[in-house]
Amino acid sequence: SATLSVIDTGDAARMLEIIAAGAAAAS
């Protein structure tokens, strides 16, 4: 299960943006 139970709200937004862009490029 790839889950982080607690993370800063700002970090969460940046994580969403970075991982979404990285997933599109990797795919």
PDB file of all heavy atoms in Angstrom:
ATOM      1  N   SER A   1       0.851  -1.186   0.000  1.00  0.00           N
ATOM      2  CA  SER A   1       0.000   0.000   0.000  1.00  0.00           C
ATOM      3  C   SER A   1       0.885   1.234   0.000  1.00  0.00           C
ATOM      4  O   SER A   1       1.641   1.475   0.944  1.00  0.00           O
ATOM      5  CB  SER A   1      -0.912   0.004   1.234  1.00  0.00           C
ATOM      6  OG  SER A   1      -1.691   1.178   1.273  1.00  0.00           O
ATOM      7  N   ALA A   2       0.819   2.016  -1.081  1.00  0.00           N
ATOM      8  CA  ALA A   2       1.643   3.221  -1.234  1.00  0.00           C
ATOM      9  C   ALA A   2       0.892   4.413  -0.663  1.00  0.00           C
ATOM     10  O   ALA A   2       0.252   5.180  -1.394  1.00  0.00           O
ATOM     11  CB  ALA A   2       2.001   3.436  -2.700  1.00  0.00           C
ATOM     12  N   THR A   3       0.956   4.587   0.649  1.00  0.00           N
ATOM     13  CA  THR A   3       0.182   5.610   1.345  1.00  0.00           C
ATOM     14  C   THR A   3       1.080   6.369   2.317  1.00  0.00           C
ATOM     15  O   THR A   3       1.909   5.774   3.014  1.00  0.00           O
ATOM     16  CB  THR A   3      -0.993   4.976   2.113  1.00  0.00           C
ATOM     17  OG1 THR A   3      -1.801   4.234   1.205  1.00  0.00           O
ATOM     18  CG2 THR A   3      -1.840   6.041   2.771  1.00  0.00           C
ATOM     19  N   LEU A   4       0.888   7.681   2.373  1.00  0.00           N
ATOM     20  CA  LEU A   4       1.478   8.533   3.397  1.00  0.00           C
ATOM     21  C   LEU A   4       0.341   9.097   4.233  1.00  0.00           C
ATOM     22  O   LEU A   4      -0.515   9.826   3.725  1.00  0.00           O
ATOM     23  CB  LEU A   4       2.294   9.671   2.769  1.00  0.00           C
ATOM     24  CG  LEU A   4       3.620   9.298   2.105  1.00  0.00           C
ATOM     25  CD1 LEU A   4       4.287  10.547   1.535  1.00  0.00           C
ATOM     26  CD2 LEU A   4       4.552   8.603   3.082  1.00  0.00           C
ATOM     27  N   SER A   5       0.328   8.735   5.504  1.00  0.00           N
ATOM     28  CA  SER A   5      -0.815   9.109   6.353  1.00  0.00           C
ATOM     29  C   SER A   5      -0.810  10.583   6.714  1.00  0.00           C
ATOM     30  O   SER A   5      -1.868  11.184   6.921  1.00  0.00           O
ATOM     31  CB  SER A   5      -0.833   8.256   7.621  1.00  0.00           C
ATOM     32  OG  SER A   5       0.391   8.413   8.337  1.00  0.00           O
ATOM     33  N   VAL A   6       0.375  11.209   6.824  1.00  0.00           N
ATOM     34  CA  VAL A   6       0.466  12.633   7.168  1.00  0.00           C
ATOM     35  C   VAL A   6       1.537  13.284   6.297  1.00  0.00           C
ATOM     36  O   VAL A   6       2.632  12.746   6.129  1.00  0.00           O
ATOM     37  CB  VAL A   6       0.800  12.846   8.665  1.00  0.00           C
ATOM     38  CG1 VAL A   6      -0.388  12.533   9.542  1.00  0.00           C
ATOM     39  CG2 VAL A   6       2.007  12.019   9.096  1.00  0.00           C
ATOM     40  N   ILE A   7       1.187  14.436   5.741  1.00  0.00           N
ATOM     41  CA  ILE A   7       2.115  15.203   4.930  1.00  0.00           C
ATOM     42  C   ILE A   7       1.618  16.644   4.903  1.00  0.00           C
ATOM     43  O   ILE A   7       0.400  16.905   4.990  1.00  0.00           O
ATOM     44  CB  ILE A   7       2.210  14.624   3.501  1.00  0.00           C
ATOM     45  CG1 ILE A   7       3.304  15.321   2.702  1.00  0.00           C
ATOM     46  CG2 ILE A   7       0.887  14.706   2.786  1.00  0.00           C
ATOM     47  CD1 ILE A   7       3.538  14.702   1.336  1.00  0.00           C
ATOM     48  N   ASP A   8       2.525  17.584   4.823  1.00  0.00           N
ATOM     49  CA  ASP A   8       2.151  18.987   4.781  1.00  0.00           C
ATOM     50  C   ASP A   8       1.279  19.263   3.550  1.00  0.00           C
ATOM     51  O   ASP A   8       1.490  18.689   2.479  1.00  0.00           O
ATOM     52  CB  ASP A   8       3.409  19.850   4.736  1.00  0.00           C
ATOM     53  CG  ASP A   8       3.082  21.332   4.728  1.00  0.00           C
ATOM     54  OD1 ASP A   8       2.786  21.880   5.805  1.00  0.00           O
ATOM     55  OD2 ASP A   8       3.130  21.928   3.630  1.00  0.00           O
ATOM     56  N   THR A   9       0.288  20.165   3.718  1.00  0.00           N
ATOM     57  CA  THR A   9      -0.639  20.446   2.624  1.00  0.00           C
ATOM     58  C   THR A   9       0.093  20.984   1.397  1.00  0.00           C
ATOM     59  O   THR A   9      -0.189  20.579   0.264  1.00  0.00           O
ATOM     60  CB  THR A   9      -1.702  21.451   3.085  1.00  0.00           C
ATOM     61  OG1 THR A   9      -2.376  20.924   4.232  1.00  0.00           O
ATOM     62  CG2 THR A   9      -2.713  21.704   1.985  1.00  0.00           C
ATOM     63  N   GLY A  10       1.031  21.895   1.590  1.00  0.00           N
ATOM     64  CA  GLY A  10       1.788  22.420   0.462  1.00  0.00           C
ATOM     65  C   GLY A  10       2.629  21.351  -0.204  1.00  0.00           C
ATOM     66  O   GLY A  10       2.717  21.292  -1.445  1.00  0.00           O
ATOM     67  N   ASP A  11       3.256  20.472   0.592  1.00  0.00           N
ATOM     68  CA  ASP A  11       4.036  19.380   0.023  1.00  0.00           C
ATOM     69  C   ASP A  11       3.143  18.420  -0.756  1.00  0.00           C
ATOM     70  O   ASP A  11       3.556  17.862  -1.776  1.00  0.00           O
ATOM     71  CB  ASP A  11       4.772  18.629   1.129  1.00  0.00           C
ATOM     72  CG  ASP A  11       5.923  19.440   1.710  1.00  0.00           C
ATOM     73  OD1 ASP A  11       6.343  20.408   1.049  1.00  0.00           O
ATOM     74  OD2 ASP A  11       6.384  19.094   2.813  1.00  0.00           O
ATOM     75  N   ALA A  12       1.933  18.230  -0.267  1.00  0.00           N
ATOM     76  CA  ALA A  12       1.010  17.330  -0.956  1.00  0.00           C
ATOM     77  C   ALA A  12       0.666  17.865  -2.343  1.00  0.00           C
ATOM     78  O   ALA A  12       0.599  17.112  -3.325  1.00  0.00           O
ATOM     79  CB  ALA A  12      -0.260  17.136  -0.125  1.00  0.00           C
ATOM     80  N   ALA A  13       0.436  19.186  -2.449  1.00  0.00           N
ATOM     81  CA  ALA A  13       0.128  19.782  -3.750  1.00  0.00           C
ATOM     82  C   ALA A  13       1.311  19.652  -4.699  1.00  0.00           C
ATOM     83  O   ALA A  13       1.148  19.327  -5.886  1.00  0.00           O
ATOM     84  CB  ALA A  13      -0.262  21.242  -3.566  1.00  0.00           C
ATOM     85  N   ARG A  14       2.525  19.920  -4.206  1.00  0.00           N
ATOM     86  CA  ARG A  14       3.699  19.780  -5.060  1.00  0.00           C
ATOM     87  C   ARG A  14       3.941  18.321  -5.434  1.00  0.00           C
ATOM     88  O   ARG A  14       4.351  18.011  -6.556  1.00  0.00           O
ATOM     89  CB  ARG A  14       4.917  20.361  -4.333  1.00  0.00           C
ATOM     90  CG  ARG A  14       4.965  21.889  -4.361  1.00  0.00           C
ATOM     91  CD  ARG A  14       6.242  22.406  -3.718  1.00  0.00           C
ATOM     92  NE  ARG A  14       6.205  22.291  -2.270  1.00  0.00           N
ATOM     93  CZ  ARG A  14       5.737  23.244  -1.466  1.00  0.00           C
ATOM     94  NH1 ARG A  14       5.278  24.376  -1.969  1.00  0.00           N
ATOM     95  NH2 ARG A  14       5.725  23.071  -0.155  1.00  0.00           N
ATOM     96  N   MET A  15       3.684  17.413  -4.484  1.00  0.00           N
ATOM     97  CA  MET A  15       3.841  15.987  -4.771  1.00  0.00           C
ATOM     98  C   MET A  15       2.886  15.556  -5.882  1.00  0.00           C
ATOM     99  O   MET A  15       3.265  14.804  -6.794  1.00  0.00           O
ATOM    100  CB  MET A  15       3.570  15.176  -3.494  1.00  0.00           C
ATOM    101  CG  MET A  15       3.628  13.678  -3.664  1.00  0.00           C
ATOM    102  SD  MET A  15       3.208  12.826  -2.102  1.00  0.00           S
ATOM    103  CE  MET A  15       3.348  11.115  -2.604  1.00  0.00           C
ATOM    104  N   LEU A  16       1.652  16.041  -5.836  1.00  0.00           N
ATOM    105  CA  LEU A  16       0.673  15.715  -6.866  1.00  0.00           C
ATOM    106  C   LEU A  16       1.149  16.186  -8.235  1.00  0.00           C
ATOM    107  O   LEU A  16       1.089  15.440  -9.228  1.00  0.00           O
ATOM    108  CB  LEU A  16      -0.674  16.357  -6.514  1.00  0.00           C
ATOM    109  CG  LEU A  16      -1.791  16.214  -7.551  1.00  0.00           C
ATOM    110  CD1 LEU A  16      -2.156  14.761  -7.742  1.00  0.00           C
ATOM    111  CD2 LEU A  16      -3.017  17.016  -7.126  1.00  0.00           C
ATOM    112  N   GLU A  17       1.642  17.403  -8.304  1.00  0.00           N
ATOM    113  CA  GLU A  17       2.078  17.967  -9.579  1.00  0.00           C
ATOM    114  C   GLU A  17       3.298  17.240 -10.126  1.00  0.00           C
ATOM    115  O   GLU A  17       3.354  16.884 -11.311  1.00  0.00           O
ATOM    116  CB  GLU A  17       2.391  19.448  -9.390  1.00  0.00           C
ATOM    117  CG  GLU A  17       2.880  20.139 -10.647  1.00  0.00           C
ATOM    118  CD  GLU A  17       3.217  21.600 -10.393  1.00  0.00           C
ATOM    119  OE1 GLU A  17       2.959  22.087  -9.271  1.00  0.00           O
ATOM    120  OE2 GLU A  17       3.747  22.245 -11.318  1.00  0.00           O
ATOM    121  N   ILE A  18       4.290  16.983  -9.261  1.00  0.00           N
ATOM    122  CA  ILE A  18       5.526  16.366  -9.714  1.00  0.00           C
ATOM    123  C   ILE A  18       5.301  14.923 -10.150  1.00  0.00           C
ATOM    124  O   ILE A  18       5.775  14.489 -11.203  1.00  0.00           O
ATOM    125  CB  ILE A  18       6.577  16.444  -8.600  1.00  0.00           C
ATOM    126  CG1 ILE A  18       6.974  17.897  -8.346  1.00  0.00           C
ATOM    127  CG2 ILE A  18       7.798  15.610  -8.937  1.00  0.00           C
ATOM    128  CD1 ILE A  18       7.780  18.093  -7.088  1.00  0.00           C
ATOM    129  N   ILE A  19       4.568  14.151  -9.350  1.00  0.00           N
ATOM    130  CA  ILE A  19       4.363  12.740  -9.671  1.00  0.00           C
ATOM    131  C   ILE A  19       3.474  12.587 -10.890  1.00  0.00           C
ATOM    132  O   ILE A  19       3.701  11.708 -11.739  1.00  0.00           O
ATOM    133  CB  ILE A  19       3.799  11.998  -8.445  1.00  0.00           C
ATOM    134  CG1 ILE A  19       4.881  11.886  -7.362  1.00  0.00           C
ATOM    135  CG2 ILE A  19       3.287  10.624  -8.829  1.00  0.00           C
ATOM    136  CD1 ILE A  19       4.469  11.106  -6.145  1.00  0.00           C
ATOM    137  N   ALA A  20       2.466  13.438 -11.032  1.00  0.00           N
ATOM    138  CA  ALA A  20       1.608  13.349 -12.211  1.00  0.00           C
ATOM    139  C   ALA A  20       2.409  13.623 -13.482  1.00  0.00           C
ATOM    140  O   ALA A  20       2.271  12.912 -14.491  1.00  0.00           O
ATOM    141  CB  ALA A  20       0.450  14.340 -12.080  1.00  0.00           C
ATOM    142  N   ALA A  21       3.265  14.661 -13.459  1.00  0.00           N
ATOM    143  CA  ALA A  21       4.090  14.960 -14.628  1.00  0.00           C
ATOM    144  C   ALA A  21       5.107  13.847 -14.881  1.00  0.00           C
ATOM    145  O   ALA A  21       5.336  13.445 -16.032  1.00  0.00           O
ATOM    146  CB  ALA A  21       4.795  16.299 -14.431  1.00  0.00           C
ATOM    147  N   GLY A  22       5.715  13.331 -13.818  1.00  0.00           N
ATOM    148  CA  GLY A  22       6.678  12.247 -13.987  1.00  0.00           C
ATOM    149  C   GLY A  22       6.052  10.975 -14.509  1.00  0.00           C
ATOM    150  O   GLY A  22       6.651  10.259 -15.319  1.00  0.00           O
ATOM    151  N   ALA A  23       4.814  10.673 -14.063  1.00  0.00           N
ATOM    152  CA  ALA A  23       4.129   9.469 -14.534  1.00  0.00           C
ATOM    153  C   ALA A  23       3.803   9.579 -16.018  1.00  0.00           C
ATOM    154  O   ALA A  23       3.928   8.596 -16.768  1.00  0.00           O
ATOM    155  CB  ALA A  23       2.863   9.239 -13.721  1.00  0.00           C
ATOM    156  N   ALA A  24       3.386  10.771 -16.469  1.00  0.00           N
ATOM    157  CA  ALA A  24       3.075  10.957 -17.887  1.00  0.00           C
ATOM    158  C   ALA A  24       4.329  10.780 -18.739  1.00  0.00           C
ATOM    159  O   ALA A  24       4.301  10.117 -19.790  1.00  0.00           O
ATOM    160  CB  ALA A  24       2.464  12.331 -18.108  1.00  0.00           C
ATOM    161  N   ALA A  25       5.460  11.347 -18.281  1.00  0.00           N
ATOM    162  CA  ALA A  25       6.703  11.221 -19.034  1.00  0.00           C
ATOM    163  C   ALA A  25       7.204   9.784 -19.045  1.00  0.00           C
ATOM    164  O   ALA A  25       7.657   9.273 -20.079  1.00  0.00           O
ATOM    165  CB  ALA A  25       7.763  12.150 -18.444  1.00  0.00           C
ATOM    166  N   ALA A  26       7.134   9.104 -17.905  1.00  0.00           N
ATOM    167  CA  ALA A  26       7.612   7.724 -17.828  1.00  0.00           C
ATOM    168  C   ALA A  26       6.754   6.794 -18.663  1.00  0.00           C
ATOM    169  O   ALA A  26       7.263   5.879 -19.325  1.00  0.00           O
ATOM    170  CB  ALA A  26       7.629   7.264 -16.367  1.00  0.00           C
ATOM    171  N   SER A  27       5.441   7.004 -18.660  1.00  0.00           N
ATOM    172  CA  SER A  27       4.549   6.162 -19.456  1.00  0.00           C
ATOM    173  C   SER A  27       4.785   6.358 -20.948  1.00  0.00           C
ATOM    174  O   SER A  27       4.728   5.409 -21.731  1.00  0.00           O
ATOM    175  CB  SER A  27       3.093   6.471 -19.097  1.00  0.00           C
ATOM    176  OG  SER A  27       2.202   5.685 -19.860  1.00  0.00           O
TER     177      SER A  27
END
